[in-house]
Amino acid sequence: MPEWKCSKCGYTLSAEKPPGECPSCKEKCEFVDVSCYIPDCAQTGSDPRLK
């Protein structure tokens, strides 16, 4: 499942699609896909370089 990060407050969540409003800051934000697609971060699911 993809990992999404709020562009305003940095909140991250796992979901198929990003929500329309951030559950943390309650703003209508752009969510960035920070999912990891390389074997190096298979345990965490997210790429720390994108956070």
C-alpha atoms as a PDB file:
ATOM      1  CA  MET A   1       0.000   0.000   0.000  1.00  0.00           C
ATOM      2  CA  PRO A   2       1.401   3.432  -0.889  1.00  0.00           C
ATOM      3  CA  GLU A   3       2.683   5.858   1.756  1.00  0.00           C
ATOM      4  CA  TRP A   4       1.552   9.481   1.408  1.00  0.00           C
ATOM      5  CA  LYS A   5       3.019  12.611   3.021  1.00  0.00           C
ATOM      6  CA  CYS A   6       1.160  15.903   3.510  1.00  0.00           C
ATOM      7  CA  SER A   7       3.007  18.751   1.800  1.00  0.00           C
ATOM      8  CA  LYS A   8       1.977  21.215   4.516  1.00  0.00           C
ATOM      9  CA  CYS A   9       2.443  19.461   7.876  1.00  0.00           C
ATOM     10  CA  GLY A  10       4.423  16.325   6.985  1.00  0.00           C
ATOM     11  CA  TYR A  11       1.820  13.836   8.243  1.00  0.00           C
ATOM     12  CA  THR A  12       2.220  10.412   6.620  1.00  0.00           C
ATOM     13  CA  LEU A  13      -0.359   7.697   6.088  1.00  0.00           C
ATOM     14  CA  SER A  14      -0.813   4.425   4.225  1.00  0.00           C
ATOM     15  CA  ALA A  15      -3.727   4.383   1.783  1.00  0.00           C
ATOM     16  CA  GLU A  16      -4.531   3.360  -1.780  1.00  0.00           C
ATOM     17  CA  LYS A  17      -5.274   7.020  -2.622  1.00  0.00           C
ATOM     18  CA  PRO A  18      -4.491  10.183  -0.668  1.00  0.00           C
ATOM     19  CA  PRO A  19      -7.439  11.826   1.110  1.00  0.00           C
ATOM     20  CA  GLY A  20      -8.909  15.132  -0.035  1.00  0.00           C
ATOM     21  CA  GLU A  21      -8.148  16.708   3.341  1.00  0.00           C
ATOM     22  CA  CYS A  22      -5.250  15.967   5.669  1.00  0.00           C
ATOM     23  CA  PRO A  23      -6.416  14.128   8.815  1.00  0.00           C
ATOM     24  CA  SER A  24      -3.764  15.943  10.850  1.00  0.00           C
ATOM     25  CA  CYS A  25      -3.818  19.625   9.828  1.00  0.00           C
ATOM     26  CA  LYS A  26      -7.349  19.547   8.336  1.00  0.00           C
ATOM     27  CA  GLU A  27      -6.111  21.433   5.267  1.00  0.00           C
ATOM     28  CA  LYS A  28      -6.685  20.606   1.620  1.00  0.00           C
ATOM     29  CA  CYS A  29      -3.098  19.616   0.813  1.00  0.00           C
ATOM     30  CA  GLU A  30      -1.064  18.047  -1.912  1.00  0.00           C
ATOM     31  CA  PHE A  31       0.018  14.566  -0.844  1.00  0.00           C
ATOM     32  CA  VAL A  32       3.390  13.276  -2.064  1.00  0.00           C
ATOM     33  CA  ASP A  33       3.914   9.548  -2.631  1.00  0.00           C
ATOM     34  CA  VAL A  34       6.869   8.581  -0.393  1.00  0.00           C
ATOM     35  CA  SER A  35       6.516   4.831  -0.967  1.00  0.00           C
ATOM     36  CA  CYS A  36       9.707   2.895  -1.382  1.00  0.00           C
ATOM     37  CA  TYR A  37      10.035   0.768  -4.476  1.00  0.00           C
ATOM     38  CA  ILE A  38      13.565  -0.502  -3.879  1.00  0.00           C
ATOM     39  CA  PRO A  39      14.491  -3.597  -1.853  1.00  0.00           C
ATOM     40  CA  ASP A  40      16.634  -1.560   0.575  1.00  0.00           C
ATOM     41  CA  CYS A  41      13.614  -0.292   2.497  1.00  0.00           C
ATOM     42  CA  ALA A  42      11.271  -3.257   2.218  1.00  0.00           C
ATOM     43  CA  GLN A  43      10.886  -3.423   6.009  1.00  0.00           C
ATOM     44  CA  THR A  44       9.634   0.154   6.447  1.00  0.00           C
ATOM     45  CA  GLY A  45       7.658   0.589   3.234  1.00  0.00           C
ATOM     46  CA  SER A  46       8.694   4.228   2.906  1.00  0.00           C
ATOM     47  CA  ASP A  47      11.807   5.841   1.513  1.00  0.00           C
ATOM     48  CA  PRO A  48      13.530   7.975   4.202  1.00  0.00           C
ATOM     49  CA  ARG A  49      15.146  10.106   1.484  1.00  0.00           C
ATOM     50  CA  LEU A  50      11.678  11.399   0.549  1.00  0.00           C
ATOM     51  CA  LYS A  51      10.632  12.352   4.062  1.00  0.00           C
END
